[in-house]
Amino acid sequence: MLKRFLDSDQHEAGCDEAGRGCLAGPVTAAAVILPADYKNPLLNDSKKLTEKIRNHLRREIEHCAVSYAVSFIDNRKIDEVNILKASILGMHNALGNLSVVPEYILIDGNRFYKFRDIPHTCVVKGDGKYLAIAAASILAKTYRDEFMEELHQKHFQYGWNRNKGYPTKTHRQAIQEHGLTEFHRRSFQLLNTQMEISFGESR
């Protein structure tokens, strides 16, 4: 089982995000404070779990957490400030929406801007080390996946129900064929060089 705390004597909030590497849609951040006695051997980095287990754990986290919050930063804001700042902004928003103010923050990754006067620690691959970060990774992932599946109903050509906006070959081909939607990130490289050359040669 993952570690429960960095310091068991204080309310620790775990933070993570989903969607940083996508070509379309928001980046989604979550913050979670778990009970001091919380245990779950299934809880792990969301990327290591099946969709069924992620959805099961999401319901449990929402039921058991001392507090949790999720924040969406849309593609326009990502283009305006860059993806790193947008990800951290999402984490700040999620932390600010917690009903219980954390005494310490655990961040997945190696970059963060101080939130209020609350001390924090960045943990590389923290979603596979600490329960609270893993819980945040599951909420961020499941909420974002759900959002992209809803967008798929309007823009089915891009396969967002499967690729969730990530830069798959199918997604990039759809961009080439159908153009951009209002949900695409203009500041990202939406077509790779090889694909641009291939399409150019076929004309």
C-alpha atoms as a PDB file:
ATOM      1  CA  MET A   1       0.000   0.000   0.000  1.00  0.00           C
ATOM      2  CA  LEU A   2       1.123   3.568  -0.640  1.00  0.00           C
ATOM      3  CA  LYS A   3       2.341   5.819   2.163  1.00  0.00           C
ATOM      4  CA  ARG A   4      -0.439   7.535   4.060  1.00  0.00           C
ATOM      5  CA  PHE A   5       1.376  10.711   5.160  1.00  0.00           C
ATOM      6  CA  LEU A   6       4.507  12.743   4.976  1.00  0.00           C
ATOM      7  CA  ASP A   7       3.600  13.966   8.481  1.00  0.00           C
ATOM      8  CA  SER A   8       0.696  12.227  10.221  1.00  0.00           C
ATOM      9  CA  ASP A   9       0.166  15.057  12.711  1.00  0.00           C
ATOM     10  CA  GLN A  10      -1.409  17.460  10.216  1.00  0.00           C
ATOM     11  CA  HIS A  11      -4.102  17.668   7.533  1.00  0.00           C
ATOM     12  CA  GLU A  12      -2.286  16.945   4.266  1.00  0.00           C
ATOM     13  CA  ALA A  13      -3.864  17.647   0.887  1.00  0.00           C
ATOM     14  CA  GLY A  14      -2.674  15.670  -2.111  1.00  0.00           C
ATOM     15  CA  CYS A  15      -2.727  17.452  -5.489  1.00  0.00           C
ATOM     16  CA  ASP A  16      -2.441  16.161  -9.034  1.00  0.00           C
ATOM     17  CA  GLU A  17      -3.617  17.029 -12.538  1.00  0.00           C
ATOM     18  CA  ALA A  18      -4.647  15.282 -15.738  1.00  0.00           C
ATOM     19  CA  GLY A  19      -4.469  16.355 -19.359  1.00  0.00           C
ATOM     20  CA  ARG A  20      -1.206  18.284 -19.546  1.00  0.00           C
ATOM     21  CA  GLY A  21      -0.093  16.536 -22.734  1.00  0.00           C
ATOM     22  CA  CYS A  22      -3.406  16.759 -24.594  1.00  0.00           C
ATOM     23  CA  LEU A  23      -4.055  18.657 -27.804  1.00  0.00           C
ATOM     24  CA  ALA A  24      -7.624  19.519 -26.838  1.00  0.00           C
ATOM     25  CA  GLY A  25      -9.756  20.116 -23.785  1.00  0.00           C
ATOM     26  CA  PRO A  26      -8.949  21.413 -20.321  1.00  0.00           C
ATOM     27  CA  VAL A  27      -6.273  20.506 -17.855  1.00  0.00           C
ATOM     28  CA  THR A  28      -8.017  19.185 -14.755  1.00  0.00           C
ATOM     29  CA  ALA A  29      -6.624  19.389 -11.225  1.00  0.00           C
ATOM     30  CA  ALA A  30      -7.816  17.853  -7.974  1.00  0.00           C
ATOM     31  CA  ALA A  31      -7.019  18.246  -4.298  1.00  0.00           C
ATOM     32  CA  VAL A  32      -7.912  15.630  -1.691  1.00  0.00           C
ATOM     33  CA  ILE A  33      -7.615  15.398   2.083  1.00  0.00           C
ATOM     34  CA  LEU A  34      -8.053  11.819   3.299  1.00  0.00           C
ATOM     35  CA  PRO A  35      -8.976  10.701   6.833  1.00  0.00           C
ATOM     36  CA  ALA A  36      -6.056   9.873   9.124  1.00  0.00           C
ATOM     37  CA  ASP A  37      -7.056   6.199   9.263  1.00  0.00           C
ATOM     38  CA  TYR A  38      -7.808   5.766   5.548  1.00  0.00           C
ATOM     39  CA  LYS A  39      -6.487   2.594   3.926  1.00  0.00           C
ATOM     40  CA  ASN A  40      -7.042   1.077   0.511  1.00  0.00           C
ATOM     41  CA  PRO A  41      -4.618  -1.344  -1.168  1.00  0.00           C
ATOM     42  CA  LEU A  42      -6.202  -0.639  -4.584  1.00  0.00           C
ATOM     43  CA  LEU A  43      -5.447   3.069  -4.505  1.00  0.00           C
ATOM     44  CA  ASN A  44      -2.567   3.905  -6.833  1.00  0.00           C
ATOM     45  CA  ASP A  45      -1.466   6.142  -9.701  1.00  0.00           C
ATOM     46  CA  SER A  46      -4.573   6.466 -11.898  1.00  0.00           C
ATOM     47  CA  LYS A  47      -2.558   5.550 -15.024  1.00  0.00           C
ATOM     48  CA  LYS A  48      -1.870   2.089 -13.534  1.00  0.00           C
ATOM     49  CA  LEU A  49      -5.546   1.293 -12.964  1.00  0.00           C
ATOM     50  CA  THR A  50      -8.345   0.166 -15.236  1.00  0.00           C
ATOM     51  CA  GLU A  51     -11.220   2.521 -15.976  1.00  0.00           C
ATOM     52  CA  LYS A  52     -13.557   0.317 -13.919  1.00  0.00           C
ATOM     53  CA  ILE A  53     -11.312   0.473 -10.836  1.00  0.00           C
ATOM     54  CA  ARG A  54     -10.742   4.226 -11.257  1.00  0.00           C
ATOM     55  CA  ASN A  55     -14.489   4.854 -11.308  1.00  0.00           C
ATOM     56  CA  HIS A  56     -15.006   2.618  -8.275  1.00  0.00           C
ATOM     57  CA  LEU A  57     -12.276   4.452  -6.358  1.00  0.00           C
ATOM     58  CA  ARG A  58     -13.659   7.840  -7.383  1.00  0.00           C
ATOM     59  CA  ARG A  59     -16.971   7.043  -5.679  1.00  0.00           C
ATOM     60  CA  GLU A  60     -15.176   5.820  -2.566  1.00  0.00           C
ATOM     61  CA  ILE A  61     -12.866   8.853  -2.417  1.00  0.00           C
ATOM     62  CA  GLU A  62     -15.806  11.227  -2.773  1.00  0.00           C
ATOM     63  CA  HIS A  63     -17.608   9.392   0.044  1.00  0.00           C
ATOM     64  CA  CYS A  64     -14.666   9.011   2.436  1.00  0.00           C
ATOM     65  CA  ALA A  65     -12.553  12.138   1.924  1.00  0.00           C
ATOM     66  CA  VAL A  66     -12.403  14.783   4.612  1.00  0.00           C
ATOM     67  CA  SER A  67     -12.604  17.217   1.686  1.00  0.00           C
ATOM     68  CA  TYR A  68     -12.014  17.178  -2.066  1.00  0.00           C
ATOM     69  CA  ALA A  69     -12.276  19.620  -4.957  1.00  0.00           C
ATOM     70  CA  VAL A  70     -11.755  19.527  -8.728  1.00  0.00           C
ATOM     71  CA  SER A  71     -10.872  22.418 -11.048  1.00  0.00           C
ATOM     72  CA  PHE A  72     -10.918  22.762 -14.847  1.00  0.00           C
ATOM     73  CA  ILE A  73      -8.671  25.209 -16.709  1.00  0.00           C
ATOM     74  CA  ASP A  74      -9.847  25.530 -20.298  1.00  0.00           C
ATOM     75  CA  ASN A  75      -7.768  25.503 -23.471  1.00  0.00           C
ATOM     76  CA  ARG A  76      -7.998  29.268 -23.923  1.00  0.00           C
ATOM     77  CA  LYS A  77      -6.376  29.890 -20.553  1.00  0.00           C
ATOM     78  CA  ILE A  78      -3.762  27.232 -21.331  1.00  0.00           C
ATOM     79  CA  ASP A  79      -2.896  29.085 -24.554  1.00  0.00           C
ATOM     80  CA  GLU A  80      -2.766  32.369 -22.667  1.00  0.00           C
ATOM     81  CA  VAL A  81      -0.481  31.417 -19.768  1.00  0.00           C
ATOM     82  CA  ASN A  82       1.160  28.072 -20.876  1.00  0.00           C
ATOM     83  CA  ILE A  83       0.410  24.565 -19.678  1.00  0.00           C
ATOM     84  CA  LEU A  84       2.628  24.585 -16.577  1.00  0.00           C
ATOM     85  CA  LYS A  85       1.064  27.760 -15.182  1.00  0.00           C
ATOM     86  CA  ALA A  86      -2.406  26.517 -16.114  1.00  0.00           C
ATOM     87  CA  SER A  87      -1.792  23.226 -14.283  1.00  0.00           C
ATOM     88  CA  ILE A  88      -0.628  25.025 -11.156  1.00  0.00           C
ATOM     89  CA  LEU A  89      -3.541  27.472 -11.403  1.00  0.00           C
ATOM     90  CA  GLY A  90      -5.876  24.476 -11.471  1.00  0.00           C
ATOM     91  CA  MET A  91      -4.242  23.056  -8.350  1.00  0.00           C
ATOM     92  CA  HIS A  92      -4.541  26.431  -6.595  1.00  0.00           C
ATOM     93  CA  ASN A  93      -8.225  26.618  -7.526  1.00  0.00           C
ATOM     94  CA  ALA A  94      -8.856  23.098  -6.236  1.00  0.00           C
ATOM     95  CA  LEU A  95      -6.997  23.813  -2.985  1.00  0.00           C
ATOM     96  CA  GLY A  96      -8.937  27.044  -2.550  1.00  0.00           C
ATOM     97  CA  ASN A  97     -12.235  25.175  -2.914  1.00  0.00           C
ATOM     98  CA  LEU A  98     -11.519  22.626  -0.180  1.00  0.00           C
ATOM     99  CA  SER A  99     -13.966  22.916   2.715  1.00  0.00           C
ATOM    100  CA  VAL A 100     -11.114  22.157   5.137  1.00  0.00           C
ATOM    101  CA  VAL A 101      -7.952  24.236   4.932  1.00  0.00           C
ATOM    102  CA  PRO A 102      -4.926  21.910   4.666  1.00  0.00           C
ATOM    103  CA  GLU A 103      -1.909  22.367   6.898  1.00  0.00           C
ATOM    104  CA  TYR A 104       0.424  20.854   4.322  1.00  0.00           C
ATOM    105  CA  ILE A 105       0.283  20.153   0.598  1.00  0.00           C
ATOM    106  CA  LEU A 106       1.779  17.219  -1.323  1.00  0.00           C
ATOM    107  CA  ILE A 107       2.193  17.942  -5.039  1.00  0.00           C
ATOM    108  CA  ASP A 108       2.735  15.383  -7.774  1.00  0.00           C
ATOM    109  CA  GLY A 109       5.704  16.474  -9.894  1.00  0.00           C
ATOM    110  CA  ASN A 110       8.603  18.879  -9.421  1.00  0.00           C
ATOM    111  CA  ARG A 111       7.107  22.357  -9.997  1.00  0.00           C
ATOM    112  CA  PHE A 112       4.654  24.370  -7.937  1.00  0.00           C
ATOM    113  CA  TYR A 113       4.025  27.956  -6.871  1.00  0.00           C
ATOM    114  CA  LYS A 114       3.409  28.524  -3.184  1.00  0.00           C
ATOM    115  CA  PHE A 115      -0.267  28.482  -2.245  1.00  0.00           C
ATOM    116  CA  ARG A 116      -1.084  31.081   0.405  1.00  0.00           C
ATOM    117  CA  ASP A 117       1.239  30.466   3.350  1.00  0.00           C
ATOM    118  CA  ILE A 118       0.801  26.696   3.371  1.00  0.00           C
ATOM    119  CA  PRO A 119       4.045  24.698   3.183  1.00  0.00           C
ATOM    120  CA  HIS A 120       4.316  22.112   0.419  1.00  0.00           C
ATOM    121  CA  THR A 121       6.516  19.346  -0.920  1.00  0.00           C
ATOM    122  CA  CYS A 122       6.796  18.328  -4.579  1.00  0.00           C
ATOM    123  CA  VAL A 123       7.106  14.566  -5.047  1.00  0.00           C
ATOM    124  CA  VAL A 124       8.210  13.199  -8.428  1.00  0.00           C
ATOM    125  CA  LYS A 125       5.846  10.338  -9.326  1.00  0.00           C
ATOM    126  CA  GLY A 126       4.032  11.118  -6.098  1.00  0.00           C
ATOM    127  CA  ASP A 127       0.818   9.541  -7.389  1.00  0.00           C
ATOM    128  CA  GLY A 128       2.541   6.186  -6.975  1.00  0.00           C
ATOM    129  CA  LYS A 129       3.905   7.008  -3.503  1.00  0.00           C
ATOM    130  CA  TYR A 130       1.269   8.788  -1.401  1.00  0.00           C
ATOM    131  CA  LEU A 131      -2.400   7.920  -0.985  1.00  0.00           C
ATOM    132  CA  ALA A 132      -3.656  11.524  -1.076  1.00  0.00           C
ATOM    133  CA  ILE A 133      -1.839  12.285  -4.330  1.00  0.00           C
ATOM    134  CA  ALA A 134      -3.086   9.025  -5.845  1.00  0.00           C
ATOM    135  CA  ALA A 135      -6.626   9.943  -4.818  1.00  0.00           C
ATOM    136  CA  ALA A 136      -6.224  13.355  -6.467  1.00  0.00           C
ATOM    137  CA  SER A 137      -4.893  11.708  -9.625  1.00  0.00           C
ATOM    138  CA  ILE A 138      -7.988   9.501  -9.807  1.00  0.00           C
ATOM    139  CA  LEU A 139     -10.400  12.395  -9.388  1.00  0.00           C
ATOM    140  CA  ALA A 140      -8.551  14.546 -11.931  1.00  0.00           C
ATOM    141  CA  LYS A 141      -8.423  11.696 -14.455  1.00  0.00           C
ATOM    142  CA  THR A 142     -12.029  10.525 -14.095  1.00  0.00           C
ATOM    143  CA  TYR A 143     -13.535  14.014 -14.110  1.00  0.00           C
ATOM    144  CA  ARG A 144     -11.530  14.981 -17.190  1.00  0.00           C
ATOM    145  CA  ASP A 145     -12.319  11.733 -19.024  1.00  0.00           C
ATOM    146  CA  GLU A 146     -16.011  12.296 -18.338  1.00  0.00           C
ATOM    147  CA  PHE A 147     -15.762  15.855 -19.698  1.00  0.00           C
ATOM    148  CA  MET A 148     -14.033  14.699 -22.896  1.00  0.00           C
ATOM    149  CA  GLU A 149     -16.638  11.985 -23.440  1.00  0.00           C
ATOM    150  CA  GLU A 150     -19.317  14.690 -23.291  1.00  0.00           C
ATOM    151  CA  LEU A 151     -17.401  16.811 -25.822  1.00  0.00           C
ATOM    152  CA  HIS A 152     -17.178  13.752 -28.073  1.00  0.00           C
ATOM    153  CA  GLN A 153     -20.945  13.877 -28.571  1.00  0.00           C
ATOM    154  CA  LYS A 154     -20.518  17.216 -30.355  1.00  0.00           C
ATOM    155  CA  HIS A 155     -17.172  16.551 -32.059  1.00  0.00           C
ATOM    156  CA  PHE A 156     -17.218  12.795 -32.696  1.00  0.00           C
ATOM    157  CA  GLN A 157     -14.757  12.991 -35.610  1.00  0.00           C
ATOM    158  CA  TYR A 158     -11.790  13.341 -33.235  1.00  0.00           C
ATOM    159  CA  GLY A 159     -12.395  10.196 -31.188  1.00  0.00           C
ATOM    160  CA  TRP A 160     -12.248  11.965 -27.840  1.00  0.00           C
ATOM    161  CA  ASN A 161     -14.261   9.156 -26.222  1.00  0.00           C
ATOM    162  CA  ARG A 162     -11.172   6.988 -26.787  1.00  0.00           C
ATOM    163  CA  ASN A 163      -8.127   9.269 -26.903  1.00  0.00           C
ATOM    164  CA  LYS A 164      -9.478  11.924 -24.460  1.00  0.00           C
ATOM    165  CA  GLY A 165      -7.713  14.624 -26.482  1.00  0.00           C
ATOM    166  CA  TYR A 166      -4.229  13.100 -26.378  1.00  0.00           C
ATOM    167  CA  PRO A 167      -2.042  13.291 -29.517  1.00  0.00           C
ATOM    168  CA  THR A 168      -2.816   9.934 -31.087  1.00  0.00           C
ATOM    169  CA  LYS A 169      -2.338   9.355 -34.804  1.00  0.00           C
ATOM    170  CA  THR A 170      -6.115   9.184 -35.270  1.00  0.00           C
ATOM    171  CA  HIS A 171      -6.626  12.494 -33.468  1.00  0.00           C
ATOM    172  CA  ARG A 172      -3.983  14.258 -35.550  1.00  0.00           C
ATOM    173  CA  GLN A 173      -5.412  12.853 -38.771  1.00  0.00           C
ATOM    174  CA  ALA A 174      -8.838  14.149 -37.765  1.00  0.00           C
ATOM    175  CA  ILE A 175      -7.356  17.611 -37.196  1.00  0.00           C
ATOM    176  CA  GLN A 176      -5.822  17.467 -40.680  1.00  0.00           C
ATOM    177  CA  GLU A 177      -9.129  16.426 -42.233  1.00  0.00           C
ATOM    178  CA  HIS A 178     -11.635  18.475 -40.223  1.00  0.00           C
ATOM    179  CA  GLY A 179      -9.629  21.383 -38.845  1.00  0.00           C
ATOM    180  CA  LEU A 180      -9.677  22.701 -35.285  1.00  0.00           C
ATOM    181  CA  THR A 181     -12.530  23.008 -32.821  1.00  0.00           C
ATOM    182  CA  GLU A 182     -12.977  25.679 -30.184  1.00  0.00           C
ATOM    183  CA  PHE A 183     -11.537  23.168 -27.700  1.00  0.00           C
ATOM    184  CA  HIS A 184      -8.138  22.683 -29.348  1.00  0.00           C
ATOM    185  CA  ARG A 185      -5.022  24.245 -27.820  1.00  0.00           C
ATOM    186  CA  ARG A 186      -3.572  26.586 -30.409  1.00  0.00           C
ATOM    187  CA  SER A 187      -0.240  26.905 -28.566  1.00  0.00           C
ATOM    188  CA  PHE A 188       0.468  23.168 -28.945  1.00  0.00           C
ATOM    189  CA  GLN A 189       2.006  21.426 -31.955  1.00  0.00           C
ATOM    190  CA  LEU A 190      -1.200  19.920 -33.252  1.00  0.00           C
ATOM    191  CA  LEU A 191       0.356  18.132 -36.228  1.00  0.00           C
ATOM    192  CA  ASN A 192       3.752  16.457 -36.103  1.00  0.00           C
ATOM    193  CA  THR A 193       6.258  17.267 -38.836  1.00  0.00           C
ATOM    194  CA  GLN A 194       6.175  13.813 -40.398  1.00  0.00           C
ATOM    195  CA  MET A 195       2.403  13.902 -40.822  1.00  0.00           C
ATOM    196  CA  GLU A 196       2.553  17.385 -42.380  1.00  0.00           C
ATOM    197  CA  ILE A 197       5.154  16.145 -44.885  1.00  0.00           C
ATOM    198  CA  SER A 198       3.122  13.024 -45.701  1.00  0.00           C
ATOM    199  CA  PHE A 199      -0.063  14.954 -46.332  1.00  0.00           C
ATOM    200  CA  GLY A 200       1.823  17.539 -48.357  1.00  0.00           C
ATOM    201  CA  GLU A 201       3.336  14.884 -50.618  1.00  0.00           C
ATOM    202  CA  SER A 202      -0.047  13.248 -51.248  1.00  0.00           C
ATOM    203  CA  ARG A 203      -1.547  16.426 -52.728  1.00  0.00           C
END
